[in-house]
Amino acid sequence: MQSTRRNLPQLLGDARRWFEEGLLAALEAAGATPVSPTQAQLFAVLDDQGATVSELARRMGVKRQTVHQAVHGLRRRAAQASPGPRLRPTALDSPHP
């Protein structure tokens, strides 16, 4: 008889997939653009205290560059989705009269 017990890494992997599937389904139901698997994983490790890119990478078990790309992708999406006037990056370079 084979055991149906699952070890901790398997259970954690199942929980991660459950979270990602739920997040993607909620975004789709809201009519939002889906996020990448890395961005979904990023949401799973965020907390109210905030964290550095290095800390998020440690929590996710990936390189800092991976987190950096995921964060910037989300920032671009947020900037494109926000209504109202946008600040031109060059506007910060010149002093106002």
N, C-alpha and C. Protein backbone atom coordinates (compact mmCIF):
# COMPACT_ATOMS: atom_id res chain seq x y z
N MET A 1 0.84 -1.17 0.00
CA MET A 1 0.00 0.00 0.00
C MET A 1 0.89 1.25 0.00
N GLN A 2 0.57 2.16 -0.88
CA GLN A 2 1.38 3.38 -1.00
C GLN A 2 0.78 4.49 -0.14
N SER A 3 1.63 5.23 0.53
CA SER A 3 1.19 6.32 1.40
C SER A 3 0.72 7.52 0.57
N THR A 4 -0.36 8.15 1.01
CA THR A 4 -0.86 9.36 0.35
C THR A 4 -0.40 10.62 1.06
N ARG A 5 0.43 10.44 2.08
CA ARG A 5 0.94 11.60 2.82
C ARG A 5 1.88 12.40 1.93
N ARG A 6 1.82 13.71 2.06
CA ARG A 6 2.67 14.59 1.27
C ARG A 6 3.64 15.28 2.21
N ASN A 7 4.84 15.54 1.74
CA ASN A 7 5.83 16.20 2.58
C ASN A 7 5.62 17.72 2.53
N LEU A 8 6.30 18.41 3.40
CA LEU A 8 6.12 19.86 3.53
C LEU A 8 6.40 20.62 2.23
N PRO A 9 7.50 20.37 1.51
CA PRO A 9 7.71 21.09 0.26
C PRO A 9 6.57 20.89 -0.75
N GLN A 10 6.02 19.69 -0.81
CA GLN A 10 4.89 19.45 -1.71
C GLN A 10 3.67 20.26 -1.28
N LEU A 11 3.41 20.28 0.01
CA LEU A 11 2.26 21.04 0.52
C LEU A 11 2.43 22.55 0.28
N LEU A 12 3.66 23.05 0.49
CA LEU A 12 3.92 24.46 0.24
C LEU A 12 3.78 24.80 -1.24
N GLY A 13 4.23 23.90 -2.11
CA GLY A 13 4.06 24.10 -3.55
C GLY A 13 2.59 24.15 -3.92
N ASP A 14 1.79 23.27 -3.32
CA ASP A 14 0.34 23.27 -3.56
C ASP A 14 -0.28 24.59 -3.10
N ALA A 15 0.14 25.07 -1.94
CA ALA A 15 -0.40 26.32 -1.40
C ALA A 15 -0.04 27.49 -2.32
N ARG A 16 1.18 27.49 -2.83
CA ARG A 16 1.61 28.56 -3.74
C ARG A 16 0.78 28.55 -5.02
N ARG A 17 0.58 27.35 -5.58
CA ARG A 17 -0.24 27.25 -6.79
C ARG A 17 -1.67 27.70 -6.52
N TRP A 18 -2.21 27.33 -5.36
CA TRP A 18 -3.57 27.73 -4.98
C TRP A 18 -3.65 29.26 -4.92
N PHE A 19 -2.67 29.90 -4.29
CA PHE A 19 -2.66 31.35 -4.19
C PHE A 19 -2.59 31.99 -5.58
N GLU A 20 -1.67 31.52 -6.41
CA GLU A 20 -1.51 32.10 -7.75
C GLU A 20 -2.76 31.93 -8.58
N GLU A 21 -3.37 30.75 -8.54
CA GLU A 21 -4.60 30.51 -9.31
C GLU A 21 -5.72 31.42 -8.82
N GLY A 22 -5.83 31.60 -7.50
CA GLY A 22 -6.86 32.49 -6.94
C GLY A 22 -6.64 33.94 -7.33
N LEU A 23 -5.38 34.38 -7.28
CA LEU A 23 -5.06 35.75 -7.66
C LEU A 23 -5.36 36.00 -9.13
N LEU A 24 -4.93 35.08 -10.00
CA LEU A 24 -5.17 35.24 -11.43
C LEU A 24 -6.66 35.21 -11.75
N ALA A 25 -7.42 34.35 -11.07
CA ALA A 25 -8.87 34.29 -11.28
C ALA A 25 -9.55 35.59 -10.84
N ALA A 26 -9.11 36.14 -9.71
CA ALA A 26 -9.68 37.40 -9.22
C ALA A 26 -9.36 38.55 -10.17
N LEU A 27 -8.14 38.59 -10.69
CA LEU A 27 -7.78 39.64 -11.65
C LEU A 27 -8.61 39.51 -12.93
N GLU A 28 -8.78 38.28 -13.40
CA GLU A 28 -9.57 38.07 -14.61
C GLU A 28 -11.03 38.47 -14.39
N ALA A 29 -11.59 38.11 -13.23
CA ALA A 29 -12.97 38.47 -12.91
C ALA A 29 -13.16 39.98 -12.82
N ALA A 30 -12.11 40.68 -12.41
CA ALA A 30 -12.17 42.14 -12.29
C ALA A 30 -11.88 42.82 -13.62
N GLY A 31 -11.53 42.05 -14.64
CA GLY A 31 -11.22 42.62 -15.94
C GLY A 31 -9.82 43.20 -16.02
N ALA A 32 -8.98 42.85 -15.08
CA ALA A 32 -7.61 43.37 -15.06
C ALA A 32 -6.70 42.50 -15.92
N THR A 33 -5.62 43.08 -16.36
CA THR A 33 -4.62 42.34 -17.11
C THR A 33 -3.93 41.35 -16.18
N PRO A 34 -3.78 40.11 -16.61
CA PRO A 34 -3.12 39.13 -15.74
C PRO A 34 -1.67 39.51 -15.44
N VAL A 35 -1.18 39.00 -14.34
CA VAL A 35 0.21 39.24 -13.96
C VAL A 35 1.03 37.99 -14.29
N SER A 36 2.34 38.15 -14.33
CA SER A 36 3.22 37.02 -14.58
C SER A 36 3.29 36.15 -13.33
N PRO A 37 3.74 34.91 -13.46
CA PRO A 37 3.92 34.07 -12.27
C PRO A 37 4.86 34.70 -11.24
N THR A 38 5.91 35.37 -11.70
CA THR A 38 6.83 36.03 -10.77
C THR A 38 6.13 37.16 -10.03
N GLN A 39 5.31 37.94 -10.74
CA GLN A 39 4.58 39.02 -10.09
C GLN A 39 3.56 38.47 -9.09
N ALA A 40 2.93 37.36 -9.42
CA ALA A 40 2.00 36.72 -8.47
C ALA A 40 2.74 36.28 -7.22
N GLN A 41 3.92 35.71 -7.41
CA GLN A 41 4.73 35.27 -6.27
C GLN A 41 5.15 36.48 -5.42
N LEU A 42 5.40 37.60 -6.08
CA LEU A 42 5.78 38.83 -5.38
C LEU A 42 4.66 39.27 -4.45
N PHE A 43 3.42 39.23 -4.93
CA PHE A 43 2.28 39.59 -4.08
C PHE A 43 2.19 38.69 -2.85
N ALA A 44 2.56 37.43 -3.02
CA ALA A 44 2.47 36.48 -1.92
C ALA A 44 3.44 36.77 -0.79
N VAL A 45 4.56 37.43 -1.09
CA VAL A 45 5.57 37.67 -0.05
C VAL A 45 5.55 39.10 0.49
N LEU A 46 4.68 39.94 -0.04
CA LEU A 46 4.58 41.32 0.46
C LEU A 46 3.92 41.34 1.83
N ASP A 47 4.29 42.32 2.64
CA ASP A 47 3.63 42.51 3.92
C ASP A 47 3.44 44.00 4.17
N ASP A 48 2.79 44.34 5.27
CA ASP A 48 2.48 45.74 5.57
C ASP A 48 3.70 46.58 5.91
N GLN A 49 4.80 45.95 6.33
CA GLN A 49 5.98 46.69 6.74
C GLN A 49 6.84 47.12 5.55
N GLY A 50 6.61 46.54 4.39
CA GLY A 50 7.44 46.84 3.24
C GLY A 50 8.74 46.06 3.31
N ALA A 51 9.46 46.04 2.22
CA ALA A 51 10.71 45.30 2.17
C ALA A 51 11.56 45.81 1.02
N THR A 52 12.83 45.61 1.13
CA THR A 52 13.74 45.96 0.04
C THR A 52 13.65 44.90 -1.05
N VAL A 53 14.18 45.24 -2.21
CA VAL A 53 14.23 44.27 -3.31
C VAL A 53 15.03 43.05 -2.87
N SER A 54 16.12 43.27 -2.15
CA SER A 54 16.94 42.15 -1.67
C SER A 54 16.16 41.24 -0.74
N GLU A 55 15.39 41.83 0.16
CA GLU A 55 14.59 41.04 1.10
C GLU A 55 13.51 40.26 0.36
N LEU A 56 12.85 40.90 -0.60
CA LEU A 56 11.82 40.20 -1.38
C LEU A 56 12.44 39.04 -2.16
N ALA A 57 13.62 39.26 -2.73
CA ALA A 57 14.31 38.19 -3.47
C ALA A 57 14.63 37.02 -2.54
N ARG A 58 15.06 37.32 -1.33
CA ARG A 58 15.37 36.26 -0.37
C ARG A 58 14.11 35.47 -0.05
N ARG A 59 13.00 36.17 0.20
CA ARG A 59 11.73 35.50 0.52
C ARG A 59 11.25 34.63 -0.64
N MET A 60 11.49 35.09 -1.86
CA MET A 60 11.02 34.36 -3.04
C MET A 60 11.99 33.28 -3.49
N GLY A 61 13.24 33.37 -3.05
CA GLY A 61 14.26 32.41 -3.47
C GLY A 61 14.72 32.64 -4.90
N VAL A 62 14.75 33.93 -5.30
CA VAL A 62 15.18 34.28 -6.66
C VAL A 62 16.24 35.38 -6.58
N LYS A 63 16.79 35.75 -7.72
CA LYS A 63 17.78 36.82 -7.77
C LYS A 63 17.10 38.19 -7.63
N ARG A 64 17.89 39.16 -7.16
CA ARG A 64 17.38 40.53 -7.02
C ARG A 64 16.90 41.08 -8.36
N GLN A 65 17.60 40.75 -9.43
CA GLN A 65 17.23 41.24 -10.75
C GLN A 65 15.84 40.76 -11.15
N THR A 66 15.48 39.55 -10.76
CA THR A 66 14.16 39.00 -11.06
C THR A 66 13.08 39.82 -10.36
N VAL A 67 13.32 40.13 -9.10
CA VAL A 67 12.36 40.94 -8.34
C VAL A 67 12.29 42.35 -8.91
N HIS A 68 13.44 42.90 -9.24
CA HIS A 68 13.52 44.25 -9.80
C HIS A 68 12.66 44.33 -11.08
N GLN A 69 12.79 43.36 -11.96
CA GLN A 69 12.01 43.34 -13.19
C GLN A 69 10.52 43.21 -12.90
N ALA A 70 10.16 42.37 -11.95
CA ALA A 70 8.75 42.19 -11.60
C ALA A 70 8.15 43.48 -11.04
N VAL A 71 8.89 44.13 -10.15
CA VAL A 71 8.42 45.39 -9.55
C VAL A 71 8.25 46.47 -10.62
N HIS A 72 9.24 46.60 -11.49
CA HIS A 72 9.15 47.63 -12.53
C HIS A 72 8.01 47.34 -13.51
N GLY A 73 7.77 46.07 -13.79
CA GLY A 73 6.65 45.72 -14.65
C GLY A 73 5.32 46.13 -14.03
N LEU A 74 5.19 45.93 -12.72
CA LEU A 74 3.97 46.33 -12.02
C LEU A 74 3.85 47.85 -11.97
N ARG A 75 4.97 48.54 -11.78
CA ARG A 75 4.93 50.01 -11.76
C ARG A 75 4.50 50.57 -13.11
N ARG A 76 5.01 49.98 -14.20
CA ARG A 76 4.61 50.42 -15.55
C ARG A 76 3.11 50.23 -15.75
N ARG A 77 2.62 49.09 -15.32
CA ARG A 77 1.18 48.82 -15.45
C ARG A 77 0.37 49.82 -14.64
N ALA A 78 0.82 50.13 -13.44
CA ALA A 78 0.09 51.07 -12.59
C ALA A 78 0.10 52.47 -13.20
N ALA A 79 1.22 52.87 -13.77
CA ALA A 79 1.32 54.18 -14.39
C ALA A 79 0.41 54.28 -15.61
N GLN A 80 0.31 53.20 -16.37
CA GLN A 80 -0.55 53.20 -17.55
C GLN A 80 -2.02 53.19 -17.17
N ALA A 81 -2.35 52.59 -16.04
CA ALA A 81 -3.74 52.47 -15.62
C ALA A 81 -4.25 53.68 -14.85
N SER A 82 -3.35 54.49 -14.30
CA SER A 82 -3.81 55.60 -13.46
C SER A 82 -4.37 56.74 -14.31
N PRO A 83 -5.52 57.24 -13.92
CA PRO A 83 -6.12 58.35 -14.66
C PRO A 83 -5.45 59.67 -14.31
N GLY A 84 -5.70 60.65 -15.11
CA GLY A 84 -5.21 61.99 -14.80
C GLY A 84 -3.92 62.31 -15.49
N PRO A 85 -3.44 63.53 -15.27
CA PRO A 85 -2.21 63.96 -15.94
C PRO A 85 -1.00 63.18 -15.45
N ARG A 86 -0.05 63.03 -16.34
CA ARG A 86 1.18 62.31 -15.99
C ARG A 86 2.34 63.28 -15.98
N LEU A 87 3.24 63.07 -15.09
CA LEU A 87 4.44 63.89 -14.98
C LEU A 87 5.48 63.37 -15.96
N ARG A 88 5.97 64.24 -16.80
CA ARG A 88 7.04 63.85 -17.72
C ARG A 88 8.34 63.73 -16.93
N PRO A 89 9.12 62.68 -17.13
CA PRO A 89 10.38 62.55 -16.41
C PRO A 89 11.30 63.75 -16.61
N THR A 90 11.28 64.37 -17.80
CA THR A 90 12.15 65.54 -18.04
C THR A 90 11.69 66.77 -17.29
N ALA A 91 10.46 66.76 -16.81
CA ALA A 91 9.96 67.92 -16.06
C ALA A 91 10.73 68.10 -14.75
N LEU A 92 11.31 67.03 -14.26
CA LEU A 92 12.07 67.13 -13.01
C LEU A 92 13.46 67.71 -13.20
N ASP A 93 13.92 67.77 -14.46
CA ASP A 93 15.28 68.23 -14.73
C ASP A 93 15.41 69.74 -14.74
N SER A 94 14.36 70.46 -15.06
CA SER A 94 14.49 71.91 -15.20
C SER A 94 13.81 72.62 -14.03
N PRO A 95 14.43 73.68 -13.53
CA PRO A 95 13.80 74.45 -12.43
C PRO A 95 12.61 75.25 -12.96
N HIS A 96 11.64 75.43 -12.10
CA HIS A 96 10.45 76.20 -12.48
C HIS A 96 10.69 77.67 -12.16
N PRO A 97 10.17 78.58 -13.02
CA PRO A 97 10.37 80.02 -12.77
C PRO A 97 9.65 80.48 -11.53
